[in-house]
Amino acid sequence: MSGYRIQREPTMENERAEFSISELAREFDVTPRAIRFYESEGLLSPRRDGQRRIYTLRDRTRLKLTLRGKRLGLTLAEIRELIDMYEPGRDDRPQLERFREVLETHRRSLLQQRTDIEAQLSEIQTFEKRVNQQLKKRR
């Protein structure tokens, strides 16, 4: 899954290599607080200029991958593990195998949740019928 590999993004002469927290927040439609949280969890590591955080292309890519992982239902620990496994120039097979394991675990969990929800919906339908029948008797 190359989506979890941190790759150098194509650079153009005028492309910026540094970003402020507000720029990243705006670009990815997240709050600065969320970005600071991901930083506190070890997913991002901006450099500091006084109180100002300065994010690099690497941080931007890690934020993008973090948000993608969250959409897939991965925990922050899983996301960090997968992102941290990538090393440029190294075999990415271990990272891909781990990613597959994580996805399989989440898929099984979601399938079980779906089964549980379907069972609950069926039970609700049964009780709704009983309640409706009792209400009809009382008219």
N, C-alpha and C. Protein backbone atom coordinates (compact mmCIF):
# COMPACT_ATOMS: atom_id res chain seq x y z
N MET A 1 0.87 -1.18 0.00
CA MET A 1 0.00 0.00 0.00
C MET A 1 0.89 1.21 0.00
N SER A 2 1.10 1.75 -1.14
CA SER A 2 2.01 2.89 -1.23
C SER A 2 1.43 4.14 -0.59
N GLY A 3 0.16 4.12 -0.24
CA GLY A 3 -0.43 5.28 0.42
C GLY A 3 0.16 5.55 1.79
N TYR A 4 0.82 4.57 2.38
CA TYR A 4 1.39 4.78 3.69
C TYR A 4 2.89 4.98 3.62
N ARG A 5 3.43 5.06 2.43
CA ARG A 5 4.84 5.33 2.29
C ARG A 5 5.03 6.83 2.25
N ILE A 6 5.99 7.29 2.99
CA ILE A 6 6.29 8.71 2.95
C ILE A 6 7.23 8.92 1.79
N GLN A 7 6.72 9.57 0.79
CA GLN A 7 7.51 9.79 -0.41
C GLN A 7 7.76 11.27 -0.56
N ARG A 8 8.84 11.57 -1.18
CA ARG A 8 9.08 12.97 -1.52
C ARG A 8 8.02 13.39 -2.52
N GLU A 9 7.37 14.47 -2.22
CA GLU A 9 6.36 14.95 -3.14
C GLU A 9 7.07 15.71 -4.25
N PRO A 10 6.49 15.70 -5.45
CA PRO A 10 7.14 16.43 -6.53
C PRO A 10 7.34 17.89 -6.15
N THR A 11 8.49 18.39 -6.41
CA THR A 11 8.73 19.78 -6.07
C THR A 11 8.88 20.60 -7.33
N MET A 12 8.34 21.76 -7.27
CA MET A 12 8.48 22.72 -8.35
C MET A 12 9.31 23.86 -7.77
N GLU A 13 9.89 24.63 -8.62
CA GLU A 13 10.75 25.70 -8.13
C GLU A 13 10.00 26.63 -7.18
N ASN A 14 8.72 26.83 -7.41
CA ASN A 14 7.98 27.77 -6.57
C ASN A 14 7.19 27.07 -5.46
N GLU A 15 7.30 25.73 -5.34
CA GLU A 15 6.57 25.04 -4.29
C GLU A 15 7.21 25.30 -2.94
N ARG A 16 6.37 25.52 -1.97
CA ARG A 16 6.87 25.83 -0.62
C ARG A 16 7.25 24.55 0.10
N ALA A 17 8.25 24.65 0.92
CA ALA A 17 8.70 23.51 1.69
C ALA A 17 8.33 23.65 3.16
N GLU A 18 7.75 24.77 3.54
CA GLU A 18 7.37 25.01 4.93
C GLU A 18 5.95 25.54 5.01
N PHE A 19 5.29 25.17 6.11
CA PHE A 19 3.89 25.54 6.28
C PHE A 19 3.63 25.92 7.72
N SER A 20 2.69 26.81 7.92
CA SER A 20 2.26 27.16 9.28
C SER A 20 1.14 26.21 9.68
N ILE A 21 0.84 26.20 10.96
CA ILE A 21 -0.23 25.34 11.44
C ILE A 21 -1.57 25.75 10.83
N SER A 22 -1.79 27.05 10.66
CA SER A 22 -3.06 27.49 10.10
C SER A 22 -3.18 27.11 8.63
N GLU A 23 -2.07 27.12 7.91
CA GLU A 23 -2.11 26.71 6.50
C GLU A 23 -2.47 25.23 6.37
N LEU A 24 -1.86 24.39 7.21
CA LEU A 24 -2.19 22.96 7.16
C LEU A 24 -3.62 22.72 7.61
N ALA A 25 -4.04 23.42 8.63
CA ALA A 25 -5.41 23.26 9.13
C ALA A 25 -6.41 23.60 8.02
N ARG A 26 -6.15 24.68 7.33
CA ARG A 26 -7.03 25.09 6.23
C ARG A 26 -7.00 24.07 5.09
N GLU A 27 -5.81 23.65 4.71
CA GLU A 27 -5.66 22.71 3.59
C GLU A 27 -6.38 21.39 3.84
N PHE A 28 -6.26 20.88 5.07
CA PHE A 28 -6.82 19.56 5.36
C PHE A 28 -8.15 19.61 6.11
N ASP A 29 -8.67 20.82 6.30
CA ASP A 29 -9.96 21.02 6.95
C ASP A 29 -10.00 20.36 8.33
N VAL A 30 -8.96 20.66 9.12
CA VAL A 30 -8.89 20.22 10.51
C VAL A 30 -8.56 21.44 11.36
N THR A 31 -8.74 21.31 12.64
CA THR A 31 -8.44 22.44 13.52
C THR A 31 -6.95 22.45 13.88
N PRO A 32 -6.42 23.62 14.19
CA PRO A 32 -5.04 23.67 14.69
C PRO A 32 -4.88 22.80 15.95
N ARG A 33 -5.93 22.74 16.74
CA ARG A 33 -5.88 21.90 17.95
C ARG A 33 -5.65 20.43 17.58
N ALA A 34 -6.30 19.96 16.52
CA ALA A 34 -6.11 18.57 16.07
C ALA A 34 -4.67 18.35 15.64
N ILE A 35 -4.12 19.32 14.93
CA ILE A 35 -2.72 19.20 14.48
C ILE A 35 -1.79 19.16 15.69
N ARG A 36 -2.04 20.01 16.66
CA ARG A 36 -1.21 20.00 17.88
C ARG A 36 -1.34 18.66 18.60
N PHE A 37 -2.55 18.09 18.59
CA PHE A 37 -2.75 16.78 19.20
C PHE A 37 -1.92 15.71 18.49
N TYR A 38 -1.96 15.71 17.15
CA TYR A 38 -1.16 14.73 16.40
C TYR A 38 0.32 14.93 16.68
N GLU A 39 0.71 16.15 16.88
CA GLU A 39 2.11 16.43 17.26
C GLU A 39 2.41 15.82 18.63
N SER A 40 1.52 16.01 19.59
CA SER A 40 1.74 15.48 20.93
C SER A 40 1.77 13.95 20.93
N GLU A 41 1.13 13.34 19.94
CA GLU A 41 1.11 11.88 19.82
C GLU A 41 2.31 11.35 19.03
N GLY A 42 3.19 12.25 18.61
CA GLY A 42 4.41 11.83 17.92
C GLY A 42 4.27 11.60 16.44
N LEU A 43 3.16 12.04 15.86
CA LEU A 43 2.95 11.85 14.43
C LEU A 43 3.58 12.97 13.60
N LEU A 44 3.70 14.14 14.18
CA LEU A 44 4.29 15.29 13.50
C LEU A 44 5.40 15.85 14.38
N SER A 45 6.40 16.43 13.75
CA SER A 45 7.48 17.02 14.54
C SER A 45 7.98 18.30 13.88
N PRO A 46 7.18 19.36 13.99
CA PRO A 46 7.60 20.63 13.39
C PRO A 46 8.78 21.23 14.16
N ARG A 47 9.51 22.04 13.47
CA ARG A 47 10.56 22.75 14.19
C ARG A 47 9.93 24.03 14.73
N ARG A 48 10.59 24.65 15.66
CA ARG A 48 10.05 25.83 16.33
C ARG A 48 10.87 27.06 15.99
N ASP A 49 10.16 28.14 15.84
CA ASP A 49 10.78 29.45 15.71
C ASP A 49 10.10 30.29 16.78
N GLY A 50 10.66 30.25 17.99
CA GLY A 50 9.98 30.86 19.13
C GLY A 50 8.76 30.03 19.46
N GLN A 51 7.60 30.66 19.46
CA GLN A 51 6.34 29.95 19.71
C GLN A 51 5.74 29.39 18.43
N ARG A 52 6.25 29.80 17.31
CA ARG A 52 5.68 29.42 16.01
C ARG A 52 6.16 28.03 15.60
N ARG A 53 5.21 27.21 15.14
CA ARG A 53 5.53 25.89 14.62
C ARG A 53 5.76 26.02 13.11
N ILE A 54 6.80 25.36 12.62
CA ILE A 54 7.08 25.37 11.19
C ILE A 54 7.08 23.92 10.72
N TYR A 55 6.11 23.60 9.86
CA TYR A 55 5.93 22.24 9.36
C TYR A 55 6.59 22.09 8.00
N THR A 56 7.19 20.91 7.78
CA THR A 56 7.87 20.63 6.52
C THR A 56 6.97 19.81 5.61
N LEU A 57 7.44 19.53 4.40
CA LEU A 57 6.71 18.64 3.49
C LEU A 57 6.53 17.26 4.13
N ARG A 58 7.53 16.82 4.89
CA ARG A 58 7.42 15.53 5.58
C ARG A 58 6.26 15.57 6.57
N ASP A 59 6.16 16.64 7.35
CA ASP A 59 5.04 16.77 8.30
C ASP A 59 3.71 16.80 7.56
N ARG A 60 3.67 17.51 6.45
CA ARG A 60 2.44 17.62 5.65
C ARG A 60 2.02 16.24 5.16
N THR A 61 2.97 15.46 4.67
CA THR A 61 2.68 14.11 4.20
C THR A 61 2.22 13.23 5.36
N ARG A 62 2.89 13.33 6.50
CA ARG A 62 2.50 12.54 7.66
C ARG A 62 1.09 12.92 8.13
N LEU A 63 0.74 14.20 8.06
CA LEU A 63 -0.61 14.62 8.43
C LEU A 63 -1.62 14.03 7.45
N LYS A 64 -1.31 14.07 6.17
CA LYS A 64 -2.21 13.51 5.16
C LYS A 64 -2.43 12.01 5.42
N LEU A 65 -1.36 11.29 5.71
CA LEU A 65 -1.47 9.86 5.98
C LEU A 65 -2.20 9.58 7.29
N THR A 66 -2.00 10.43 8.27
CA THR A 66 -2.71 10.29 9.55
C THR A 66 -4.21 10.42 9.33
N LEU A 67 -4.61 11.43 8.58
CA LEU A 67 -6.03 11.65 8.33
C LEU A 67 -6.62 10.52 7.49
N ARG A 68 -5.86 10.01 6.54
CA ARG A 68 -6.31 8.87 5.74
C ARG A 68 -6.50 7.65 6.65
N GLY A 69 -5.55 7.42 7.54
CA GLY A 69 -5.66 6.30 8.48
C GLY A 69 -6.87 6.44 9.39
N LYS A 70 -7.14 7.65 9.86
CA LYS A 70 -8.31 7.88 10.71
C LYS A 70 -9.59 7.56 9.94
N ARG A 71 -9.65 7.95 8.65
CA ARG A 71 -10.84 7.62 7.85
C ARG A 71 -11.03 6.12 7.71
N LEU A 72 -9.93 5.37 7.72
CA LEU A 72 -10.02 3.91 7.64
C LEU A 72 -10.35 3.27 8.98
N GLY A 73 -10.35 4.06 10.05
CA GLY A 73 -10.67 3.54 11.37
C GLY A 73 -9.47 3.06 12.15
N LEU A 74 -8.27 3.38 11.69
CA LEU A 74 -7.06 2.97 12.39
C LEU A 74 -6.87 3.82 13.64
N THR A 75 -6.24 3.24 14.64
CA THR A 75 -5.92 4.00 15.84
C THR A 75 -4.67 4.84 15.55
N LEU A 76 -4.45 5.85 16.38
CA LEU A 76 -3.25 6.67 16.19
C LEU A 76 -1.99 5.84 16.37
N ALA A 77 -2.03 4.87 17.28
CA ALA A 77 -0.86 4.01 17.48
C ALA A 77 -0.58 3.19 16.22
N GLU A 78 -1.62 2.68 15.59
CA GLU A 78 -1.43 1.92 14.35
C GLU A 78 -0.90 2.81 13.24
N ILE A 79 -1.45 4.00 13.15
CA ILE A 79 -1.00 4.94 12.12
C ILE A 79 0.47 5.29 12.32
N ARG A 80 0.82 5.60 13.55
CA ARG A 80 2.22 5.96 13.85
C ARG A 80 3.15 4.79 13.52
N GLU A 81 2.75 3.59 13.91
CA GLU A 81 3.56 2.41 13.63
C GLU A 81 3.80 2.25 12.13
N LEU A 82 2.74 2.38 11.35
CA LEU A 82 2.86 2.20 9.90
C LEU A 82 3.72 3.29 9.27
N ILE A 83 3.49 4.53 9.67
CA ILE A 83 4.26 5.64 9.10
C ILE A 83 5.73 5.51 9.50
N ASP A 84 5.97 5.16 10.75
CA ASP A 84 7.34 5.05 11.24
C ASP A 84 8.10 3.89 10.62
N MET A 85 7.39 2.91 10.09
CA MET A 85 8.07 1.76 9.48
C MET A 85 8.74 2.13 8.16
N TYR A 86 8.30 3.20 7.54
CA TYR A 86 8.84 3.56 6.24
C TYR A 86 10.21 4.21 6.38
N GLU A 87 11.13 3.71 5.62
CA GLU A 87 12.45 4.32 5.53
C GLU A 87 12.83 4.37 4.06
N PRO A 88 13.11 5.55 3.54
CA PRO A 88 13.46 5.66 2.12
C PRO A 88 14.61 4.72 1.76
N GLY A 89 14.46 4.06 0.63
CA GLY A 89 15.52 3.18 0.14
C GLY A 89 15.48 1.78 0.72
N ARG A 90 14.61 1.53 1.66
CA ARG A 90 14.50 0.19 2.26
C ARG A 90 13.32 -0.56 1.68
N ASP A 91 13.36 -1.87 1.83
CA ASP A 91 12.27 -2.73 1.39
C ASP A 91 11.00 -2.37 2.16
N ASP A 92 9.92 -2.08 1.44
CA ASP A 92 8.68 -1.69 2.11
C ASP A 92 7.76 -2.88 2.38
N ARG A 93 8.23 -4.09 2.09
CA ARG A 93 7.40 -5.28 2.30
C ARG A 93 6.92 -5.43 3.74
N PRO A 94 7.79 -5.29 4.76
CA PRO A 94 7.29 -5.41 6.14
C PRO A 94 6.18 -4.40 6.45
N GLN A 95 6.32 -3.19 5.95
CA GLN A 95 5.30 -2.17 6.19
C GLN A 95 3.99 -2.58 5.50
N LEU A 96 4.08 -3.05 4.28
CA LEU A 96 2.88 -3.46 3.54
C LEU A 96 2.21 -4.65 4.20
N GLU A 97 3.00 -5.61 4.68
CA GLU A 97 2.43 -6.77 5.36
C GLU A 97 1.73 -6.36 6.65
N ARG A 98 2.33 -5.46 7.40
CA ARG A 98 1.71 -4.98 8.64
C ARG A 98 0.43 -4.21 8.33
N PHE A 99 0.47 -3.40 7.27
CA PHE A 99 -0.72 -2.65 6.88
C PHE A 99 -1.85 -3.61 6.52
N ARG A 100 -1.52 -4.67 5.80
CA ARG A 100 -2.53 -5.67 5.44
C ARG A 100 -3.13 -6.30 6.69
N GLU A 101 -2.28 -6.64 7.67
CA GLU A 101 -2.78 -7.21 8.93
C GLU A 101 -3.73 -6.26 9.64
N VAL A 102 -3.35 -5.00 9.72
CA VAL A 102 -4.19 -4.00 10.39
C VAL A 102 -5.53 -3.87 9.66
N LEU A 103 -5.49 -3.82 8.33
CA LEU A 103 -6.74 -3.72 7.56
C LEU A 103 -7.63 -4.94 7.77
N GLU A 104 -7.03 -6.13 7.77
CA GLU A 104 -7.81 -7.35 7.98
C GLU A 104 -8.48 -7.34 9.36
N THR A 105 -7.76 -6.90 10.36
CA THR A 105 -8.32 -6.83 11.72
C THR A 105 -9.49 -5.86 11.76
N HIS A 106 -9.33 -4.71 11.13
CA HIS A 106 -10.41 -3.72 11.13
C HIS A 106 -11.61 -4.20 10.32
N ARG A 107 -11.35 -4.88 9.21
CA ARG A 107 -12.45 -5.41 8.40
C ARG A 107 -13.26 -6.42 9.21
N ARG A 108 -12.56 -7.35 9.90
CA ARG A 108 -13.27 -8.34 10.72
C ARG A 108 -14.09 -7.66 11.81
N SER A 109 -13.52 -6.65 12.42
CA SER A 109 -14.23 -5.92 13.48
C SER A 109 -15.49 -5.24 12.92
N LEU A 110 -15.35 -4.61 11.77
CA LEU A 110 -16.51 -3.95 11.16
C LEU A 110 -17.58 -4.95 10.75
N LEU A 111 -17.17 -6.10 10.23
CA LEU A 111 -18.15 -7.12 9.86
C LEU A 111 -18.89 -7.62 11.08
N GLN A 112 -18.19 -7.79 12.20
CA GLN A 112 -18.85 -8.21 13.43
C GLN A 112 -19.82 -7.14 13.92
N GLN A 113 -19.39 -5.89 13.84
CA GLN A 113 -20.28 -4.79 14.24
C GLN A 113 -21.53 -4.77 13.37
N ARG A 114 -21.36 -5.01 12.07
CA ARG A 114 -22.52 -5.03 11.16
C ARG A 114 -23.46 -6.16 11.55
N THR A 115 -22.92 -7.33 11.86
CA THR A 115 -23.75 -8.46 12.29
C THR A 115 -24.51 -8.11 13.56
N ASP A 116 -23.81 -7.50 14.51
CA ASP A 116 -24.45 -7.09 15.77
C ASP A 116 -25.56 -6.07 15.51
N ILE A 117 -25.31 -5.11 14.65
CA ILE A 117 -26.31 -4.08 14.34
C ILE A 117 -27.52 -4.71 13.66
N GLU A 118 -27.30 -5.63 12.73
CA GLU A 118 -28.42 -6.30 12.07
C GLU A 118 -29.26 -7.09 13.06
N ALA A 119 -28.61 -7.74 14.02
CA ALA A 119 -29.34 -8.49 15.05
C ALA A 119 -30.17 -7.53 15.91
N GLN A 120 -29.59 -6.40 16.28
CA GLN A 120 -30.33 -5.42 17.08
C GLN A 120 -31.52 -4.85 16.30
N LEU A 121 -31.31 -4.56 15.04
CA LEU A 121 -32.41 -4.03 14.21
C LEU A 121 -33.54 -5.04 14.11
N SER A 122 -33.18 -6.30 13.97
CA SER A 122 -34.20 -7.35 13.90
C SER A 122 -34.98 -7.42 15.21
N GLU A 123 -34.27 -7.33 16.32
CA GLU A 123 -34.94 -7.37 17.62
C GLU A 123 -35.84 -6.15 17.81
N ILE A 124 -35.38 -5.00 17.37
CA ILE A 124 -36.19 -3.77 17.45
C ILE A 124 -37.47 -3.95 16.64
N GLN A 125 -37.30 -4.51 15.44
CA GLN A 125 -38.48 -4.72 14.58
C GLN A 125 -39.49 -5.65 15.26
N THR A 126 -39.01 -6.68 15.90
CA THR A 126 -39.89 -7.62 16.61
C THR A 126 -40.64 -6.89 17.72
N PHE A 127 -39.95 -6.09 18.51
CA PHE A 127 -40.61 -5.37 19.60
C PHE A 127 -41.56 -4.30 19.07
N GLU A 128 -41.21 -3.66 17.98
CA GLU A 128 -42.12 -2.67 17.39
C GLU A 128 -43.43 -3.33 16.98
N LYS A 129 -43.35 -4.51 16.39
CA LYS A 129 -44.57 -5.23 15.99
C LYS A 129 -45.42 -5.55 17.21
N ARG A 130 -44.77 -6.02 18.28
CA ARG A 130 -45.51 -6.36 19.51
C ARG A 130 -46.19 -5.12 20.10
N VAL A 131 -45.44 -4.02 20.15
CA VAL A 131 -45.99 -2.79 20.70
C VAL A 131 -47.16 -2.31 19.85
N ASN A 132 -47.01 -2.35 18.55
CA ASN A 132 -48.10 -1.92 17.65
C ASN A 132 -49.34 -2.80 17.83
N GLN A 133 -49.12 -4.10 17.99
CA GLN A 133 -50.25 -5.01 18.22
C GLN A 133 -50.96 -4.69 19.54
N GLN A 134 -50.18 -4.42 20.58
CA GLN A 134 -50.77 -4.09 21.88
C GLN A 134 -51.53 -2.77 21.80
N LEU A 135 -50.99 -1.81 21.08
CA LEU A 135 -51.67 -0.53 20.93
C LEU A 135 -52.99 -0.68 20.17
N LYS A 136 -53.02 -1.54 19.16
CA LYS A 136 -54.25 -1.78 18.40
C LYS A 136 -55.32 -2.38 19.29
N LYS A 137 -54.93 -3.28 20.20
CA LYS A 137 -55.88 -3.92 21.12
C LYS A 137 -56.51 -2.92 22.07
N ARG A 138 -55.80 -1.85 22.36
CA ARG A 138 -56.26 -0.88 23.36
C ARG A 138 -57.07 0.25 22.75
N ARG A 139 -57.35 0.19 21.51
CA ARG A 139 -58.13 1.27 20.87
C ARG A 139 -59.59 1.05 21.05
